[in-house]
Amino acid sequence: MTGKLIYFSSVSNNTHRFVEKLGLAADRLSVRTSDETLIATEPFVLVTPTYGGGPEGGAVPKQVIKFLNVEGNRNLIRGVIAAGNTNFHDSYCLAGDVIAAKCRTQLLYRVELMGTPEDVERVRTGLEKFWKRTPLRPSA
């Protein structure tokens, strides 16, 4: 058994395209914050874009915050993959750093926008190794 991906992608679909290229089991968070949030049922790695370009907050999409505000979801997170834009300089993939710190998990990878073929291969291979060594039971 391996974990799955849970991801958020805005209407730009950059993160969606990256996750599609991975070809792994994945569930997508709704674009609308007014929709009910997804409830995770198994361990997962979260894939999220980074919003904004500065340290003043707002790097983590509201839909991701809503999802992670559910304690059961936080208990099942095993890692984060962050997407971003290098034009944000120091804030590149900042959402991944924020989530990893708040959820006490690890930032596994940073990817530019929708990822290169090399990113796709590294993430796919890295996740395969990651799930072989990562416990699937909920963290205490």
Protein backbone atom coordinates (compact mmCIF):
# COMPACT_ATOMS: atom_id res chain seq x y z
CA MET A 1 0.00 0.00 0.00
CA THR A 2 1.22 3.49 -0.78
CA GLY A 3 -0.11 6.88 0.12
CA LYS A 4 -1.72 9.19 -2.34
CA LEU A 5 -1.49 12.80 -3.41
CA ILE A 6 -3.94 15.48 -2.42
CA TYR A 7 -3.51 18.73 -4.28
CA PHE A 8 -4.88 22.16 -4.84
CA SER A 9 -4.75 23.88 -8.20
CA SER A 10 -6.25 27.24 -9.05
CA VAL A 11 -8.09 27.86 -12.30
CA SER A 12 -4.68 28.32 -14.00
CA ASN A 13 -4.34 24.52 -13.63
CA ASN A 14 -0.54 24.64 -13.38
CA THR A 15 -0.47 22.35 -10.35
CA HIS A 16 -3.15 20.14 -11.90
CA ARG A 17 -1.05 19.66 -15.03
CA PHE A 18 1.98 18.75 -12.91
CA VAL A 19 0.01 16.17 -10.90
CA GLU A 20 -1.48 14.73 -14.09
CA LYS A 21 2.03 14.22 -15.50
CA LEU A 22 2.96 12.23 -12.38
CA GLY A 23 0.27 9.66 -13.19
CA LEU A 24 -0.31 8.82 -9.51
CA ALA A 25 -3.50 8.47 -7.49
CA ALA A 26 -4.59 11.95 -6.49
CA ASP A 27 -7.57 13.87 -5.15
CA ARG A 28 -8.09 17.54 -5.92
CA LEU A 29 -9.28 20.14 -3.44
CA SER A 30 -12.13 22.29 -4.69
CA VAL A 31 -11.31 25.68 -6.17
CA ARG A 32 -14.21 27.26 -4.27
CA THR A 33 -13.71 27.77 -0.55
CA SER A 34 -17.48 27.66 -0.11
CA ASP A 35 -17.53 23.96 -1.12
CA GLU A 36 -17.20 21.30 1.55
CA THR A 37 -13.59 20.37 2.06
CA LEU A 38 -12.18 16.98 1.21
CA ILE A 39 -11.68 14.56 4.08
CA ALA A 40 -8.54 12.46 3.76
CA THR A 41 -8.95 8.76 4.45
CA GLU A 42 -5.37 7.63 4.06
CA PRO A 43 -1.86 9.09 4.39
CA PHE A 44 -1.03 11.62 1.70
CA VAL A 45 1.49 14.05 0.33
CA LEU A 46 0.05 17.50 -0.26
CA VAL A 47 0.88 19.34 -3.49
CA THR A 48 0.15 23.05 -3.43
CA PRO A 49 0.99 26.23 -5.29
CA THR A 50 2.32 29.30 -3.51
CA TYR A 51 0.36 32.53 -3.68
CA GLY A 52 1.73 36.03 -3.33
CA GLY A 53 5.28 37.17 -3.49
CA GLY A 54 6.19 38.31 -0.03
CA PRO A 55 6.48 37.39 3.64
CA GLU A 56 3.34 39.31 4.68
CA GLY A 57 1.16 36.20 4.57
CA GLY A 58 -1.16 34.73 2.01
CA ALA A 59 1.34 32.23 0.57
CA VAL A 60 -0.87 29.24 1.41
CA PRO A 61 -4.11 29.10 -0.60
CA LYS A 62 -7.26 29.48 1.53
CA GLN A 63 -8.58 26.16 0.24
CA VAL A 64 -5.48 24.41 1.56
CA ILE A 65 -5.80 26.17 4.93
CA LYS A 66 -9.44 25.06 5.16
CA PHE A 67 -8.42 21.47 4.35
CA LEU A 68 -5.60 21.46 6.91
CA ASN A 69 -7.81 22.99 9.59
CA VAL A 70 -9.48 19.56 9.79
CA GLU A 71 -7.53 17.68 12.44
CA GLY A 72 -7.97 14.30 10.74
CA ASN A 73 -6.46 15.70 7.55
CA ARG A 74 -3.46 17.12 9.41
CA ASN A 75 -2.92 13.76 11.11
CA LEU A 76 -2.59 12.03 7.73
CA ILE A 77 -0.20 14.44 6.01
CA ARG A 78 3.22 12.91 5.43
CA GLY A 79 4.92 15.54 3.28
CA VAL A 80 4.51 18.57 1.06
CA ILE A 81 5.47 19.34 -2.52
CA ALA A 82 5.30 23.05 -3.30
CA ALA A 83 4.89 24.73 -6.66
CA GLY A 84 5.88 28.30 -7.22
CA ASN A 85 7.38 30.89 -9.47
CA THR A 86 11.06 31.77 -9.18
CA ASN A 87 10.07 35.38 -9.89
CA PHE A 88 8.97 35.43 -6.23
CA HIS A 89 12.68 35.11 -5.25
CA ASP A 90 12.86 34.44 -1.48
CA SER A 91 9.16 33.55 -1.44
CA TYR A 92 9.59 30.82 -4.07
CA CYS A 93 7.48 27.85 -2.91
CA LEU A 94 6.97 29.53 0.48
CA ALA A 95 3.64 27.73 0.99
CA GLY A 96 5.56 24.46 1.30
CA ASP A 97 7.81 25.83 4.02
CA VAL A 98 4.83 27.25 5.94
CA ILE A 99 2.82 24.03 5.75
CA ALA A 100 5.78 21.79 6.61
CA ALA A 101 6.52 23.86 9.71
CA LYS A 102 2.92 24.14 10.90
CA CYS A 103 2.09 20.48 10.26
CA ARG A 104 5.46 19.18 11.47
CA THR A 105 6.14 17.34 8.28
CA GLN A 106 8.75 17.64 5.56
CA LEU A 107 8.99 19.68 2.42
CA LEU A 108 9.83 17.02 -0.16
CA TYR A 109 10.29 19.05 -3.33
CA ARG A 110 9.94 22.48 -4.92
CA VAL A 111 8.74 22.75 -8.50
CA GLU A 112 8.54 25.71 -10.86
CA LEU A 113 4.94 26.27 -12.02
CA MET A 114 3.87 23.03 -13.75
CA GLY A 115 7.25 21.30 -13.57
CA THR A 116 9.79 20.14 -16.11
CA PRO A 117 10.11 16.54 -17.33
CA GLU A 118 13.06 16.23 -14.91
CA ASP A 119 10.84 17.42 -12.02
CA VAL A 120 8.21 14.85 -12.92
CA GLU A 121 10.74 12.01 -12.96
CA ARG A 122 12.44 13.12 -9.72
CA VAL A 123 9.13 13.47 -7.89
CA ARG A 124 7.76 10.16 -9.17
CA THR A 125 10.97 8.31 -8.20
CA GLY A 126 11.26 10.21 -4.93
CA LEU A 127 7.68 9.43 -3.91
CA GLU A 128 8.18 5.75 -4.63
CA LYS A 129 11.17 5.69 -2.27
CA PHE A 130 9.42 7.96 0.23
CA TRP A 131 6.39 5.68 0.61
CA LYS A 132 8.61 2.63 1.12
CA ARG A 133 10.19 4.20 4.20
CA THR A 134 7.30 6.30 5.57
CA PRO A 135 4.77 4.96 8.07
CA LEU A 136 1.23 4.92 6.74
CA ARG A 137 -0.46 5.02 10.12
CA PRO A 138 -1.66 8.38 11.46
CA SER A 139 0.92 10.35 13.42
CA ALA A 140 0.31 10.74 17.14
